[in-house]
Amino acid sequence: MRRRIPWIAAVAVMLVMSAILYGCGSKDAASIVKDLDKVMDRMESYQGSGTMTLHTGQQPLNYRVEVLYQKPNYYRIALTNEKRDITQIVLRNDDGVFILTPSLNKSFRFKSDWPENQGQVYLYQTLVKSIQLDNSRQFTTDKDTYVFDVMASNYNNGSFARQKIWLSKDDYAPRHVEVTDPNHNVMVEVKFDTFEFGKKFESSAFDMKSIMNGPAGAGDDKQTGGTDSAGQTAGQTDEQTSASPEGYGETAQTAAADEELTMVEPDPDALPDGVSLIDGPKDVQLGDTMGVMLRYDGTYSFTILERVAKPDAQAMSQGIMLDLGFTMGQLSGDGASTLIWSYDGVEYRLTTEDLPQEDMVRIAQSMADASGK
C-alpha cells in the first residue's frame, strides 16, 4: 500500500533540496579568492590571446594581443596593430627584459624586474593580484562568469581608477577586462578569445634570437622555462651598445640617407587644456640623421623629436619601462623627464619638465595610429 506524502511535506522537501543544491553550486567572493590563491600556486604556464582596445584618443585603437607565460618569470607579449600590420614584442627571459621590433631587427634591453613592479591589464598575475589586494572588492555573477569590480592601483598610470574583471566559472580563466578612469569612462578594454593553463611551449618561445629571425610558436613537444640558446642570446646582449644621454647616439648601422620621415603630430584632443603648438614642425639634425622637432607650450611645456628608426640598432636602456598600451616606452630623467618609444619604423622622444606622466602616455598613444615613415 502506498503512502502519500502530504503536499506540504513534499514542498518542504523540494525547498530543502533546492537550498542544498544552491549552496553547493554558489560561491562568494571570499571563497573565490581562496581558489585563486590555489590557482596561482599551481600555475606553471599559460597562453592567452584576444583584442585590446585603447579608448584614450578620439578614435579607439585596436590591437591583437598574445601572451605567453612560463614559470617562474618568463614572458612574451606580442602586440599587433592589425589595421597596419605592425607587431612589437615584450620579452623577458634569463638575459633580461627586451622590447623587440622584428621587422626592423631592433631591440632594447631594460634592467628591470618587469612585470613585478608594473601591472599589465593582459597578464593573469596582474588581474588576480588586483582582486586579492582589494578588500573592498565588489562581486557579482554574469551567466558563466564571476565579475569583480576592484581598484586599479597596481598600474603605473594615474588616470586608471577601477577595473572590472570577468573570470570563467569553470577554471577562473580571464574572459574580459575593463579599466576605467575616475569619471567611469572605459580607458582600456581586453576581450580574451582563448586562454589555456598548462600550455607547453617549444624551446624557442622565449629565445630572442629565434623571435627576431622568425615566429616562435607554442607546441606540445617540449616545455621550457628559459632560453634554449642562452649563450647566443647573451652574446648578442653583450654586443649591445649603451644608449647616449641624448637618446640619438651612435648605433650599429647608419640609416640610409634617402629615407623619408612622415611627421606625426599628437591628436589635439590628447593635449592638456591650455597647451598648443608654438614652434614647428622644424627640421633638425639628430646625430647622423635628420629629424623633426615640435615644441608645445602653455599650461605645460614639452618638445617632441621624431626620426627614422635605424635598423639593426640595439641599445641598453637605463630608464624605466612605461606601458603605452601599444608598446613599452623608456622613461628617464630626474629633473626633465624624457619618454622614448619606437613604432612603425620611427623613433619618438618627448621631453618635458612639468608634463604629468599620464599626459605623456596619452600623447604617445594618440600618435600611434598615424605614425610611420
Protein backbone atom coordinates (compact mmCIF):
# COMPACT_ATOMS: atom_id res chain seq x y z
CA MET A 1 0.00 0.00 0.00
CA ARG A 2 1.42 3.37 -0.99
CA ARG A 3 1.66 6.16 1.47
CA ARG A 4 1.09 9.59 0.04
CA ILE A 5 3.30 12.38 1.26
CA PRO A 6 1.20 15.37 2.15
CA TRP A 7 1.70 18.15 -0.36
CA ILE A 8 3.03 20.46 2.33
CA ALA A 9 5.72 17.95 3.23
CA ALA A 10 6.58 17.46 -0.46
CA VAL A 11 7.02 21.18 -0.97
CA ALA A 12 9.21 21.33 2.14
CA VAL A 13 11.46 18.55 0.80
CA MET A 14 11.81 20.34 -2.53
CA LEU A 15 12.75 23.60 -0.83
CA VAL A 16 15.39 21.88 1.31
CA MET A 17 16.91 20.12 -1.72
CA SER A 18 16.94 23.39 -3.67
CA ALA A 19 18.70 25.13 -0.82
CA ILE A 20 21.30 22.37 -0.63
CA LEU A 21 21.91 22.43 -4.38
CA TYR A 22 22.08 26.20 -4.42
CA GLY A 23 24.52 26.22 -1.54
CA CYS A 24 26.75 23.66 -3.24
CA GLY A 25 26.77 25.47 -6.54
CA SER A 26 27.26 29.03 -5.39
CA LYS A 27 30.47 30.81 -4.41
CA ASP A 28 31.07 34.08 -2.68
CA ALA A 29 33.96 36.47 -3.22
CA ALA A 30 35.99 35.15 -0.26
CA SER A 31 35.86 31.53 -1.45
CA ILE A 32 36.84 32.53 -4.99
CA VAL A 33 39.82 34.50 -3.66
CA LYS A 34 40.96 31.35 -1.83
CA ASP A 35 40.55 29.36 -5.04
CA LEU A 36 42.60 31.96 -6.92
CA ASP A 37 45.39 31.56 -4.36
CA LYS A 38 45.46 27.84 -5.20
CA VAL A 39 45.39 28.52 -8.95
CA MET A 40 48.39 30.83 -8.62
CA ASP A 41 50.31 28.31 -6.51
CA ARG A 42 49.75 25.51 -9.04
CA MET A 43 50.15 27.58 -12.21
CA GLU A 44 53.11 26.53 -14.36
CA SER A 45 52.28 28.29 -17.63
CA TYR A 46 49.53 29.79 -19.74
CA GLN A 47 48.82 31.18 -23.19
CA GLY A 48 46.11 33.69 -23.97
CA SER A 49 45.05 35.80 -26.92
CA GLY A 50 42.45 38.42 -27.59
CA THR A 51 41.75 42.01 -28.56
CA MET A 52 42.85 45.08 -26.62
CA THR A 53 41.16 48.41 -27.26
CA LEU A 54 42.56 51.75 -26.11
CA HIS A 55 39.85 54.38 -25.61
CA THR A 56 42.27 57.20 -24.84
CA GLY A 57 42.02 59.14 -28.11
CA GLN A 58 39.35 60.47 -30.42
CA GLN A 59 39.07 57.06 -32.08
CA PRO A 60 39.52 53.66 -30.38
CA LEU A 61 42.77 51.85 -31.21
CA ASN A 62 42.50 48.07 -31.56
CA TYR A 63 45.38 45.65 -31.07
CA ARG A 64 45.69 41.90 -31.11
CA VAL A 65 47.48 40.69 -28.01
CA GLU A 66 49.07 37.29 -27.40
CA VAL A 67 50.54 36.41 -24.00
CA LEU A 68 52.85 33.51 -23.17
CA TYR A 69 53.96 32.81 -19.61
CA GLN A 70 56.25 30.11 -18.22
CA LYS A 71 57.07 29.72 -14.56
CA PRO A 72 58.94 31.25 -12.82
CA ASN A 73 59.25 34.55 -14.71
CA TYR A 74 59.37 34.13 -18.50
CA TYR A 75 57.00 36.27 -20.55
CA ARG A 76 56.38 37.01 -24.20
CA ILE A 77 53.72 39.51 -25.22
CA ALA A 78 53.03 40.30 -28.88
CA LEU A 79 51.05 43.47 -29.62
CA THR A 80 49.83 43.80 -33.21
CA ASN A 81 48.05 46.70 -34.86
CA GLU A 82 46.04 44.62 -37.31
CA LYS A 83 44.98 47.67 -39.32
CA ARG A 84 48.62 48.49 -40.10
CA ASP A 85 50.20 45.03 -39.62
CA ILE A 86 52.73 46.28 -37.03
CA THR A 87 53.94 43.95 -34.30
CA GLN A 88 56.11 44.69 -31.28
CA ILE A 89 57.09 42.15 -28.66
CA VAL A 90 57.86 42.44 -24.97
CA LEU A 91 60.11 39.59 -23.85
CA ARG A 92 61.50 38.52 -20.52
CA ASN A 93 63.93 35.61 -20.23
CA ASP A 94 67.16 34.77 -18.40
CA ASP A 95 69.01 37.58 -20.17
CA GLY A 96 66.70 40.44 -19.20
CA VAL A 97 63.67 42.35 -20.44
CA PHE A 98 63.54 43.32 -24.11
CA ILE A 99 61.37 45.38 -26.43
CA LEU A 100 61.64 43.78 -29.88
CA THR A 101 60.68 45.03 -33.32
CA PRO A 102 61.45 42.03 -35.56
CA SER A 103 60.61 43.89 -38.80
CA LEU A 104 63.50 46.31 -38.08
CA ASN A 105 65.75 43.80 -36.33
CA LYS A 106 65.70 46.30 -33.49
CA SER A 107 65.78 45.59 -29.76
CA PHE A 108 66.02 47.47 -26.50
CA ARG A 109 67.15 45.81 -23.32
CA PHE A 110 65.99 47.02 -19.90
CA LYS A 111 67.48 46.43 -16.47
CA SER A 112 64.11 45.78 -14.91
CA ASP A 113 62.16 43.30 -12.81
CA TRP A 114 59.10 43.86 -15.01
CA PRO A 115 56.30 42.95 -14.62
CA GLU A 116 56.63 42.54 -10.84
CA ASN A 117 56.89 46.31 -10.43
CA GLN A 118 54.26 47.23 -13.03
CA GLY A 119 50.87 45.72 -13.73
CA GLN A 120 49.65 44.85 -17.24
CA VAL A 121 45.97 44.52 -18.00
CA TYR A 122 46.53 41.43 -20.17
CA LEU A 123 48.60 39.48 -17.60
CA TYR A 124 46.74 36.96 -15.44
CA GLN A 125 49.01 37.63 -12.46
CA THR A 126 48.12 41.33 -12.51
CA LEU A 127 44.38 40.65 -12.60
CA VAL A 128 44.47 38.12 -9.76
CA LYS A 129 46.66 40.39 -7.64
CA SER A 130 44.17 43.23 -8.11
CA ILE A 131 41.38 41.02 -6.79
CA GLN A 132 43.43 39.71 -3.88
CA LEU A 133 44.61 43.12 -2.66
CA ASP A 134 41.29 44.98 -2.72
CA ASN A 135 39.45 44.09 0.49
CA SER A 136 36.58 46.34 -0.58
CA ARG A 137 36.13 44.38 -3.80
CA GLN A 138 32.67 44.22 -5.35
CA PHE A 139 31.43 40.89 -6.64
CA THR A 140 28.63 39.58 -8.80
CA THR A 141 27.92 36.83 -11.33
CA ASP A 142 27.04 37.06 -15.01
CA LYS A 143 25.91 33.85 -16.68
CA ASP A 144 29.03 31.69 -16.85
CA THR A 145 31.44 34.22 -15.31
CA TYR A 146 32.33 35.74 -11.95
CA VAL A 147 32.68 39.52 -12.10
CA PHE A 148 34.94 41.52 -9.77
CA ASP A 149 34.98 45.32 -9.55
CA VAL A 150 38.21 46.39 -7.85
CA MET A 151 40.65 49.27 -7.59
CA ALA A 152 43.20 49.72 -10.39
CA SER A 153 46.02 50.67 -8.05
CA ASN A 154 48.59 48.27 -9.49
CA TYR A 155 49.03 50.14 -12.78
CA ASN A 156 51.65 52.77 -13.49
CA ASN A 157 49.02 55.19 -14.76
CA GLY A 158 47.39 57.82 -12.57
CA SER A 159 44.30 58.06 -14.80
CA PHE A 160 43.29 54.45 -14.07
CA ALA A 161 40.85 54.25 -11.15
CA ARG A 162 38.93 50.96 -11.23
CA GLN A 163 38.69 47.77 -13.25
CA LYS A 164 36.07 45.10 -13.85
CA ILE A 165 37.36 41.58 -14.34
CA TRP A 166 35.28 38.72 -15.75
CA LEU A 167 36.57 35.22 -14.83
CA SER A 168 35.26 31.92 -16.16
CA LYS A 169 33.31 29.89 -13.60
CA ASP A 170 34.91 26.72 -14.95
CA ASP A 171 38.60 27.40 -14.36
CA TYR A 172 38.92 31.12 -13.43
CA ALA A 173 40.44 31.97 -16.82
CA PRO A 174 40.05 35.66 -17.77
CA ARG A 175 37.32 36.48 -20.25
CA HIS A 176 37.07 40.27 -20.23
CA VAL A 177 38.70 43.28 -18.53
CA GLU A 178 37.67 46.94 -18.44
CA VAL A 179 39.80 49.67 -16.83
CA THR A 180 38.07 52.98 -16.12
CA ASP A 181 39.13 56.48 -15.13
CA PRO A 182 37.74 58.39 -12.08
CA ASN A 183 34.77 59.50 -14.24
CA HIS A 184 33.90 55.86 -15.05
CA ASN A 185 35.00 56.18 -18.67
CA VAL A 186 36.50 52.99 -20.10
CA MET A 187 40.16 53.64 -20.88
CA VAL A 188 41.39 50.14 -21.77
CA GLU A 189 39.44 47.01 -22.62
CA VAL A 190 40.66 43.46 -23.23
CA LYS A 191 38.48 40.65 -24.59
CA PHE A 192 40.14 37.23 -24.48
CA ASP A 193 39.32 34.82 -27.31
CA THR A 194 41.35 31.96 -25.85
CA PHE A 195 43.13 31.24 -22.60
CA GLU A 196 44.78 27.93 -21.69
CA PHE A 197 46.52 26.97 -18.47
CA GLY A 198 49.36 24.45 -18.53
CA LYS A 199 50.41 25.20 -22.10
CA LYS A 200 53.63 23.56 -23.25
CA PHE A 201 55.98 25.71 -25.30
CA GLU A 202 58.75 25.00 -27.77
CA SER A 203 62.26 25.84 -26.63
CA SER A 204 62.34 28.83 -29.00
CA ALA A 205 59.29 30.54 -27.50
CA PHE A 206 61.30 32.77 -25.14
CA ASP A 207 64.54 32.99 -27.13
CA MET A 208 65.25 36.46 -28.51
CA LYS A 209 67.28 35.31 -31.49
CA SER A 210 64.55 32.89 -32.59
CA ILE A 211 61.87 35.55 -32.25
CA MET A 212 63.87 38.13 -34.22
CA ASN A 213 64.55 35.63 -37.01
CA GLY A 214 61.03 34.26 -37.25
CA PRO A 215 57.87 33.34 -35.34
CA ALA A 216 58.43 31.35 -32.16
CA GLY A 217 55.43 29.18 -31.51
CA ALA A 218 53.78 27.00 -28.95
CA GLY A 219 53.68 23.25 -29.21
CA ASP A 220 53.38 20.02 -27.29
CA ASP A 221 56.80 18.51 -27.94
CA LYS A 222 58.92 20.30 -25.36
CA GLN A 223 58.31 22.51 -22.36
CA THR A 224 60.88 25.05 -21.32
CA GLY A 225 61.42 27.60 -18.59
CA GLY A 226 64.10 29.64 -20.31
CA THR A 227 66.04 30.10 -23.49
CA ASP A 228 67.38 27.17 -25.45
CA SER A 229 70.34 29.12 -26.82
CA ALA A 230 71.26 31.26 -23.83
CA GLY A 231 74.85 31.54 -24.95
CA GLN A 232 73.91 33.06 -28.29
CA THR A 233 71.40 35.41 -26.71
CA ALA A 234 73.85 36.52 -24.06
CA GLY A 235 76.44 37.18 -26.74
CA GLN A 236 74.01 39.35 -28.64
CA THR A 237 73.26 41.22 -25.44
CA ASP A 238 76.97 41.81 -24.84
CA GLU A 239 77.25 43.42 -28.29
CA GLN A 240 74.56 45.95 -27.49
CA THR A 241 75.84 49.48 -27.05
CA SER A 242 74.74 51.83 -24.33
CA ALA A 243 72.28 54.49 -25.43
CA SER A 244 73.66 58.02 -25.44
CA PRO A 245 72.32 60.55 -22.92
CA GLU A 246 70.55 62.30 -25.76
CA GLY A 247 68.97 59.07 -26.94
CA TYR A 248 70.21 59.52 -30.52
CA GLY A 249 73.84 58.47 -30.32
CA GLU A 250 75.88 56.01 -32.35
CA THR A 251 74.10 52.79 -33.30
CA ALA A 252 75.07 49.62 -35.09
CA GLN A 253 74.07 50.83 -38.53
CA THR A 254 73.53 54.26 -40.08
CA ALA A 255 70.12 54.82 -41.60
CA ALA A 256 70.04 55.33 -45.33
CA ALA A 257 70.31 58.98 -46.29
CA ASP A 258 67.34 58.83 -48.63
CA GLU A 259 64.85 57.55 -46.04
CA GLU A 260 61.99 59.98 -45.57
CA LEU A 261 60.10 60.69 -42.40
CA THR A 262 56.36 61.30 -42.31
CA MET A 263 55.92 63.73 -39.46
CA VAL A 264 53.17 62.93 -36.95
CA GLU A 265 51.53 65.40 -34.59
CA PRO A 266 49.63 64.48 -31.42
CA ASP A 267 45.87 64.36 -31.60
CA PRO A 268 44.67 67.82 -30.41
CA ASP A 269 42.19 66.07 -28.10
CA ALA A 270 45.12 64.38 -26.34
CA LEU A 271 46.77 67.69 -25.42
CA PRO A 272 46.12 69.08 -21.93
CA ASP A 273 43.89 72.14 -21.75
CA GLY A 274 45.82 75.33 -22.44
CA VAL A 275 48.61 73.62 -24.44
CA SER A 276 49.27 74.38 -28.12
CA LEU A 277 51.98 74.06 -30.76
CA ILE A 278 54.26 77.13 -30.71
CA ASP A 279 57.12 76.03 -32.98
CA GLY A 280 57.48 73.51 -35.77
CA PRO A 281 57.43 71.18 -37.36
CA LYS A 282 61.06 72.08 -37.94
CA ASP A 283 63.85 70.01 -39.48
CA VAL A 284 66.72 69.35 -37.06
CA GLN A 285 69.98 67.40 -37.13
CA LEU A 286 69.90 64.41 -34.76
CA GLY A 287 73.32 62.78 -34.67
CA ASP A 288 74.00 61.47 -38.17
CA THR A 289 70.37 61.70 -39.32
CA MET A 290 67.77 64.37 -39.87
CA GLY A 291 64.62 64.59 -37.82
CA VAL A 292 61.66 66.79 -37.00
CA MET A 293 61.02 68.85 -33.86
CA LEU A 294 57.71 70.08 -32.42
CA ARG A 295 57.52 72.48 -29.44
CA TYR A 296 54.42 72.90 -27.29
CA ASP A 297 53.79 75.45 -24.56
CA GLY A 298 51.05 76.80 -22.33
CA THR A 299 49.81 75.06 -19.21
CA TYR A 300 52.68 72.61 -19.71
CA SER A 301 55.77 72.73 -21.93
CA PHE A 302 57.30 69.87 -23.88
CA THR A 303 59.23 69.03 -27.03
CA ILE A 304 58.76 66.09 -29.41
CA LEU A 305 61.58 64.84 -31.66
CA GLU A 306 60.97 62.31 -34.43
CA ARG A 307 63.39 60.44 -36.66
CA VAL A 308 63.50 57.33 -38.81
CA ALA A 309 64.50 54.38 -36.66
CA LYS A 310 67.82 52.81 -37.52
CA PRO A 311 67.64 49.11 -38.41
CA ASP A 312 69.85 46.69 -36.50
CA ALA A 313 70.12 49.20 -33.66
CA GLN A 314 70.49 47.64 -30.23
CA ALA A 315 70.77 49.61 -27.04
CA MET A 316 70.83 49.16 -23.29
CA SER A 317 68.08 51.37 -21.86
CA GLN A 318 68.85 52.91 -18.49
CA GLY A 319 65.36 54.28 -17.79
CA ILE A 320 62.27 52.52 -16.51
CA MET A 321 59.71 50.81 -18.72
CA LEU A 322 56.47 52.70 -19.19
CA ASP A 323 53.39 50.97 -20.56
CA LEU A 324 51.99 52.86 -23.55
CA GLY A 325 49.40 50.20 -24.36
CA PHE A 326 50.57 49.57 -27.92
CA THR A 327 54.23 49.15 -26.85
CA MET A 328 56.61 49.94 -23.99
CA GLY A 329 58.45 53.21 -23.70
CA GLN A 330 61.66 54.21 -21.92
CA LEU A 331 61.16 56.90 -19.27
CA SER A 332 64.27 58.53 -17.82
CA GLY A 333 65.48 61.72 -16.16
CA ASP A 334 65.24 63.32 -12.74
CA GLY A 335 64.56 66.99 -13.50
CA ALA A 336 63.48 66.92 -17.12
CA SER A 337 61.72 63.66 -18.00
CA THR A 338 62.22 62.02 -21.37
CA LEU A 339 59.97 59.36 -22.87
CA ILE A 340 61.38 57.46 -25.85
CA TRP A 341 59.48 54.89 -27.89
CA SER A 342 59.74 53.27 -31.33
CA TYR A 343 56.82 52.37 -33.56
CA ASP A 344 56.40 51.52 -37.24
CA GLY A 345 59.96 52.44 -38.16
CA VAL A 346 60.02 55.77 -36.31
CA GLU A 347 61.66 56.73 -33.01
CA TYR A 348 59.94 59.35 -30.87
CA ARG A 349 61.29 61.38 -27.96
CA LEU A 350 59.09 63.52 -25.70
CA THR A 351 60.95 65.75 -23.22
CA THR A 352 59.33 67.86 -20.52
CA GLU A 353 59.93 69.36 -17.09
CA ASP A 354 56.32 69.58 -15.95
CA LEU A 355 54.01 67.42 -18.09
CA PRO A 356 52.32 64.71 -15.93
CA GLN A 357 53.17 61.13 -16.78
CA GLU A 358 49.60 60.18 -17.70
CA ASP A 359 49.55 63.04 -20.23
CA MET A 360 52.82 61.81 -21.71
CA VAL A 361 51.24 58.39 -22.21
CA ARG A 362 48.07 59.87 -23.69
CA ILE A 363 50.03 61.95 -26.20
CA ALA A 364 52.14 58.97 -27.26
CA GLN A 365 49.02 56.83 -27.72
CA SER A 366 47.39 59.50 -29.87
CA MET A 367 50.37 59.41 -32.25
CA ALA A 368 50.44 55.63 -32.67
CA ASP A 369 47.72 55.11 -35.27
CA ALA A 370 49.07 57.90 -37.51
CA SER A 371 52.75 57.05 -37.14
CA GLY A 372 55.05 55.72 -39.84
CA LYS A 373 57.83 56.55 -42.26
